[in-house]
């Protein structure tokens, strides 16, 4: 089989392995899997180091700052004000103000006051687009961000237009699907990361779907570049990483900026995606992929 077939074969095989075990997987004419303490060496010119694990942020965070003290200060501030606390404050503020946005093609616009502007920035939702009047700002949310605030946090209402009544969850779901065919997969991945208190931003700059941070991007560097794939036959998603050059380019690019490629496989488990209720039946599998380094497997001279 081709190298791309071998990659797909291994990723399918690793589903059945315990997620708590870190694995070394190398590609040769015969696929082989070995635990870290029983590494095998292959002569294939194309080898990858793949770790299959429950996505829990095992990488050491890289806090921002010019020196050690400023980096420690950034970490201390993040610990003092965790993302879960900021999200809770934002949720409470939007509920109290009865916040309402409206659909605008492939995004949602939301008018906010100065307090909510600060909370949206701290929680890393959307981006400000313009100042309408004194202390009133327009914020632009992506489809995933808007639906997360509306459906998961239940702190935002979304109208069909500037002067219409709020849409219900099913109506929003259908609209977002009409604008983005793979929206159910992307939203499942987005909400999965957000519920773990990761900050999720667009990864277009790095050729991936999302970039995730441990806290606000002003305080810490991002750790993972995320690609959303599916075990279902979805050509829009699964057309990526089918050939070796795709894997090579993606891992090299992310590696050059000190990020790890995280693959989120969304499995519909035979359920349709006609309603947001399907999200309860969708499952996510997490894989990280990085370049294989000979030094990691080479025996130390005694």
Protein backbone atom coordinates (compact mmCIF):
# COMPACT_ATOMS: atom_id res chain seq x y z
CA UNK A 1 0.00 0.00 0.00
CA UNK A 2 1.02 3.63 -0.40
CA UNK A 3 2.49 5.63 2.44
CA UNK A 4 -0.74 7.62 2.84
CA UNK A 5 -2.65 4.33 3.19
CA UNK A 6 -0.24 3.27 5.93
CA UNK A 7 -0.84 6.53 7.79
CA UNK A 8 -4.58 6.01 7.68
CA UNK A 9 -4.16 2.39 8.71
CA UNK A 10 -2.20 3.31 11.80
CA UNK A 11 -4.57 6.03 12.88
CA UNK A 12 -7.45 3.59 12.60
CA UNK A 13 -5.49 0.99 14.59
CA UNK A 14 -4.63 3.35 17.40
CA UNK A 15 -8.30 3.92 18.22
CA UNK A 16 -8.31 0.66 20.16
CA UNK A 17 -5.20 1.39 22.20
CA UNK A 18 -5.46 2.74 25.77
CA UNK A 19 -5.49 6.55 25.54
CA UNK A 20 -3.27 6.87 28.62
CA UNK A 21 -0.32 5.22 26.85
CA UNK A 22 2.11 7.34 24.87
CA UNK A 23 3.07 5.53 21.70
CA UNK A 24 5.82 5.55 19.13
CA UNK A 25 4.48 4.68 15.70
CA UNK A 26 6.82 4.31 12.73
CA UNK A 27 5.86 3.61 9.14
CA UNK A 28 7.42 0.88 7.04
CA UNK A 29 6.16 -1.75 4.66
CA UNK A 30 4.55 -3.35 7.70
CA UNK A 31 2.89 -1.10 10.26
CA UNK A 32 4.20 -1.50 13.80
CA UNK A 33 3.18 -0.03 17.12
CA UNK A 34 5.31 -0.10 20.25
CA UNK A 35 5.09 1.46 23.73
CA UNK A 36 7.74 4.01 24.63
CA UNK A 37 9.73 1.54 26.69
CA UNK A 38 9.83 -0.95 23.77
CA UNK A 39 10.80 1.21 20.81
CA UNK A 40 11.51 -0.35 17.45
CA UNK A 41 13.69 1.14 14.76
CA UNK A 42 12.86 1.11 11.08
CA UNK A 43 14.76 1.98 7.95
CA UNK A 44 11.90 3.78 6.25
CA UNK A 45 12.85 7.26 5.00
CA UNK A 46 9.48 8.51 6.19
CA UNK A 47 8.98 8.11 9.92
CA UNK A 48 6.77 9.94 12.35
CA UNK A 49 6.64 10.10 16.06
CA UNK A 50 2.95 9.93 16.97
CA UNK A 51 1.59 10.20 20.43
CA UNK A 52 -1.91 9.10 21.15
CA UNK A 53 -3.22 10.59 24.39
CA UNK A 54 -6.14 12.25 26.06
CA UNK A 55 -5.66 15.92 25.22
CA UNK A 56 -4.79 17.43 28.59
CA UNK A 57 -2.05 19.90 27.81
CA UNK A 58 1.05 17.91 28.78
CA UNK A 59 3.37 20.38 27.08
CA UNK A 60 5.05 22.92 29.33
CA UNK A 61 3.47 26.34 28.80
CA UNK A 62 5.68 29.04 27.29
CA UNK A 63 4.75 32.20 29.14
CA UNK A 64 5.47 35.50 27.43
CA UNK A 65 7.96 38.03 28.76
CA UNK A 66 11.36 39.58 28.14
CA UNK A 67 12.96 37.86 31.11
CA UNK A 68 12.34 35.16 33.70
CA UNK A 69 10.62 37.54 36.12
CA UNK A 70 8.13 38.84 33.56
CA UNK A 71 7.34 35.28 32.47
CA UNK A 72 6.68 34.27 36.06
CA UNK A 73 4.49 37.35 36.48
CA UNK A 74 2.45 36.33 33.42
CA UNK A 75 2.00 32.84 34.86
CA UNK A 76 1.00 34.26 38.25
CA UNK A 77 -1.60 36.53 36.66
CA UNK A 78 -3.04 33.61 34.71
CA UNK A 79 -3.28 31.49 37.87
CA UNK A 80 -4.86 34.38 39.73
CA UNK A 81 -7.53 34.81 37.06
CA UNK A 82 -8.11 31.41 35.39
CA UNK A 83 -10.00 31.21 32.12
CA UNK A 84 -12.94 29.41 33.77
CA UNK A 85 -13.47 32.42 36.04
CA UNK A 86 -13.34 34.87 33.12
CA UNK A 87 -15.85 32.81 31.13
CA UNK A 88 -18.18 32.73 34.14
CA UNK A 89 -17.98 36.52 34.48
CA UNK A 90 -18.67 36.99 30.77
CA UNK A 91 -21.62 34.61 30.91
CA UNK A 92 -23.14 36.45 33.87
CA UNK A 93 -22.65 39.86 32.26
CA UNK A 94 -24.26 38.84 28.95
CA UNK A 95 -27.23 37.24 30.74
CA UNK A 96 -27.83 40.32 32.90
CA UNK A 97 -27.74 42.66 29.91
CA UNK A 98 -29.96 40.35 27.83
CA UNK A 99 -27.33 40.49 25.08
CA UNK A 100 -28.53 40.00 21.52
CA UNK A 101 -26.58 39.75 18.27
CA UNK A 102 -27.68 39.35 14.67
CA UNK A 103 -26.63 37.26 11.70
CA UNK A 104 -24.43 38.86 9.09
CA UNK A 105 -23.52 36.38 6.36
CA UNK A 106 -20.72 34.16 7.79
CA UNK A 107 -20.48 35.80 11.21
CA UNK A 108 -22.55 37.29 14.02
CA UNK A 109 -22.41 40.94 15.09
CA UNK A 110 -22.96 41.93 18.70
CA UNK A 111 -23.24 45.39 20.28
CA UNK A 112 -21.60 45.53 23.72
CA UNK A 113 -20.74 48.01 26.42
CA UNK A 114 -17.28 48.76 27.81
CA UNK A 115 -17.50 46.10 30.56
CA UNK A 116 -18.48 43.35 28.14
CA UNK A 117 -15.87 44.54 25.66
CA UNK A 118 -13.20 43.91 28.28
CA UNK A 119 -14.62 40.49 29.21
CA UNK A 120 -14.92 39.38 25.58
CA UNK A 121 -11.30 40.37 25.05
CA UNK A 122 -10.15 38.53 28.19
CA UNK A 123 -12.11 35.42 27.20
CA UNK A 124 -10.87 35.72 23.58
CA UNK A 125 -14.24 35.67 21.86
CA UNK A 126 -14.51 37.50 18.54
CA UNK A 127 -12.90 40.79 17.67
CA UNK A 128 -14.03 44.45 17.83
CA UNK A 129 -14.93 45.93 14.46
CA UNK A 130 -15.93 49.52 15.17
CA UNK A 131 -17.12 52.00 17.78
CA UNK A 132 -20.76 52.91 17.09
CA UNK A 133 -21.21 55.58 19.73
CA UNK A 134 -19.78 56.48 23.12
CA UNK A 135 -19.22 53.32 25.20
CA UNK A 136 -20.90 51.10 22.59
CA UNK A 137 -18.87 48.73 20.44
CA UNK A 138 -19.62 46.22 17.70
CA UNK A 139 -18.07 42.82 18.12
CA UNK A 140 -17.80 40.22 15.37
CA UNK A 141 -18.09 36.55 16.35
CA UNK A 142 -17.34 33.49 14.26
CA UNK A 143 -20.10 30.93 13.78
CA UNK A 144 -18.53 28.57 16.34
CA UNK A 145 -18.04 31.34 18.91
CA UNK A 146 -21.59 32.63 18.50
CA UNK A 147 -23.19 29.21 18.79
CA UNK A 148 -21.07 28.38 21.84
CA UNK A 149 -22.28 31.49 23.64
CA UNK A 150 -25.85 30.86 22.53
CA UNK A 151 -26.21 27.08 22.82
CA UNK A 152 -23.60 25.94 25.36
CA UNK A 153 -23.40 28.93 27.70
CA UNK A 154 -26.95 30.18 27.00
CA UNK A 155 -25.95 33.79 27.50
CA UNK A 156 -26.58 35.21 24.01
CA UNK A 157 -29.60 35.55 21.76
CA UNK A 158 -29.13 35.78 18.00
CA UNK A 159 -31.60 37.43 15.62
CA UNK A 160 -31.99 36.75 11.94
CA UNK A 161 -31.35 40.42 11.25
CA UNK A 162 -31.01 43.77 13.00
CA UNK A 163 -34.77 44.08 13.63
CA UNK A 164 -36.04 40.51 13.91
CA UNK A 165 -36.85 38.18 16.78
CA UNK A 166 -34.28 35.72 18.19
CA UNK A 167 -33.86 32.41 16.39
CA UNK A 168 -34.12 29.15 18.31
CA UNK A 169 -31.29 26.61 18.49
CA UNK A 170 -32.56 24.50 15.58
CA UNK A 171 -32.98 27.53 13.31
CA UNK A 172 -29.47 28.76 14.11
CA UNK A 173 -28.06 25.29 13.56
CA UNK A 174 -29.63 25.03 10.11
CA UNK A 175 -28.47 28.52 9.16
CA UNK A 176 -24.88 27.88 10.23
CA UNK A 177 -24.87 24.56 8.36
CA UNK A 178 -26.07 26.36 5.23
CA UNK A 179 -23.13 28.74 5.52
CA UNK A 180 -20.56 26.11 6.48
CA UNK A 181 -21.30 22.53 5.47
CA UNK A 182 -18.87 21.03 7.97
CA UNK A 183 -20.09 23.27 10.81
CA UNK A 184 -21.24 20.34 13.04
CA UNK A 185 -17.71 18.88 13.02
CA UNK A 186 -16.00 22.20 13.64
CA UNK A 187 -18.41 23.19 16.38
CA UNK A 188 -18.00 19.86 18.17
CA UNK A 189 -14.23 20.32 18.11
CA UNK A 190 -14.45 23.98 19.17
CA UNK A 191 -16.79 23.29 22.08
CA UNK A 192 -14.70 20.27 23.12
CA UNK A 193 -11.63 22.50 23.51
CA UNK A 194 -13.49 25.40 25.11
CA UNK A 195 -15.07 23.14 27.71
CA UNK A 196 -11.54 22.16 28.74
CA UNK A 197 -10.86 25.90 29.26
CA UNK A 198 -8.51 26.23 26.30
CA UNK A 199 -8.58 29.51 24.40
CA UNK A 200 -9.44 28.73 20.78
CA UNK A 201 -8.56 31.06 17.91
CA UNK A 202 -8.45 30.76 14.14
CA UNK A 203 -5.48 28.79 12.82
CA UNK A 204 -5.60 30.11 9.25
CA UNK A 205 -2.24 31.81 9.72
CA UNK A 206 -0.62 28.41 10.27
CA UNK A 207 -2.62 26.37 7.78
CA UNK A 208 -4.76 24.64 10.43
CA UNK A 209 -8.33 25.04 11.68
CA UNK A 210 -7.63 26.30 15.20
CA UNK A 211 -4.79 27.43 17.41
CA UNK A 212 -5.18 26.83 21.14
CA UNK A 213 -3.71 28.66 24.12
CA UNK A 214 -3.53 27.80 27.79
CA UNK A 215 -4.62 31.36 28.62
CA UNK A 216 -4.86 34.75 26.91
CA UNK A 217 -2.49 35.07 23.90
CA UNK A 218 -0.98 38.18 25.50
CA UNK A 219 0.31 36.01 28.36
CA UNK A 220 1.25 32.70 26.81
CA UNK A 221 2.27 31.24 23.46
CA UNK A 222 -0.08 28.81 21.76
CA UNK A 223 0.77 25.14 22.18
CA UNK A 224 -1.24 23.27 19.54
CA UNK A 225 -2.32 23.71 15.97
CA UNK A 226 -5.59 21.82 15.50
CA UNK A 227 -6.98 20.04 12.45
CA UNK A 228 -10.54 18.71 12.52
CA UNK A 229 -11.06 15.43 10.68
CA UNK A 230 -13.79 12.82 10.67
CA UNK A 231 -14.10 9.04 10.64
CA UNK A 232 -17.10 9.52 8.35
CA UNK A 233 -16.67 9.92 4.61
CA UNK A 234 -16.61 13.70 4.64
CA UNK A 235 -14.55 14.87 1.67
CA UNK A 236 -14.36 18.48 2.90
CA UNK A 237 -12.51 17.37 6.02
CA UNK A 238 -10.77 14.15 5.09
CA UNK A 239 -9.15 15.46 1.93
CA UNK A 240 -6.35 16.77 4.16
CA UNK A 241 -3.37 14.74 5.41
CA UNK A 242 -4.08 11.98 2.90
CA UNK A 243 -0.66 12.23 1.32
CA UNK A 244 2.75 12.37 2.93
CA UNK A 245 3.47 15.89 1.68
CA UNK A 246 0.46 17.24 3.60
CA UNK A 247 1.66 15.69 6.84
CA UNK A 248 5.22 16.81 6.23
CA UNK A 249 4.31 20.43 5.44
CA UNK A 250 1.93 20.76 8.37
CA UNK A 251 4.29 19.29 10.97
CA UNK A 252 7.26 21.26 9.65
CA UNK A 253 5.34 24.53 9.71
CA UNK A 254 3.96 24.02 13.21
CA UNK A 255 7.29 22.69 14.46
CA UNK A 256 9.06 25.82 13.25
CA UNK A 257 6.83 27.93 15.53
CA UNK A 258 7.07 25.53 18.50
CA UNK A 259 3.60 24.05 18.18
CA UNK A 260 2.38 20.46 18.05
CA UNK A 261 -0.16 19.22 15.54
CA UNK A 262 -3.32 18.04 17.30
CA UNK A 263 -5.80 16.01 15.25
CA UNK A 264 -9.38 15.91 16.51
CA UNK A 265 -11.37 13.12 14.88
CA UNK A 266 -15.11 13.69 15.17
CA UNK A 267 -17.20 10.54 14.99
CA UNK A 268 -20.96 10.89 14.43
CA UNK A 269 -21.53 7.29 15.59
CA UNK A 270 -24.17 6.75 12.93
CA UNK A 271 -26.31 9.72 13.99
CA UNK A 272 -27.47 12.50 11.68
CA UNK A 273 -26.56 16.13 12.25
CA UNK A 274 -29.92 17.72 11.49
CA UNK A 275 -30.27 19.07 15.04
CA UNK A 276 -27.82 20.36 17.66
CA UNK A 277 -29.01 17.50 19.88
CA UNK A 278 -26.74 15.27 17.79
CA UNK A 279 -23.73 16.78 19.58
CA UNK A 280 -24.44 14.57 22.58
CA UNK A 281 -23.88 11.50 20.40
CA UNK A 282 -20.78 12.75 18.61
CA UNK A 283 -17.47 11.55 20.02
CA UNK A 284 -13.97 13.01 19.71
CA UNK A 285 -10.65 11.20 19.52
CA UNK A 286 -7.43 13.14 20.07
CA UNK A 287 -4.04 12.49 18.48
CA UNK A 288 -0.86 14.53 18.42
CA UNK A 289 1.67 14.22 15.60
CA UNK A 290 5.21 15.54 15.57
CA UNK A 291 8.36 14.92 13.56
CA UNK A 292 10.33 11.81 14.43
CA UNK A 293 13.77 12.59 15.83
CA UNK A 294 16.53 9.93 15.71
CA UNK A 295 18.01 11.32 18.93
CA UNK A 296 14.89 10.28 20.81
CA UNK A 297 15.45 6.60 19.95
CA UNK A 298 19.22 6.41 19.80
CA UNK A 299 20.88 4.55 22.67
CA UNK A 300 23.19 6.60 24.82
CA UNK A 301 26.80 5.47 24.79
CA UNK A 302 27.89 4.04 28.11
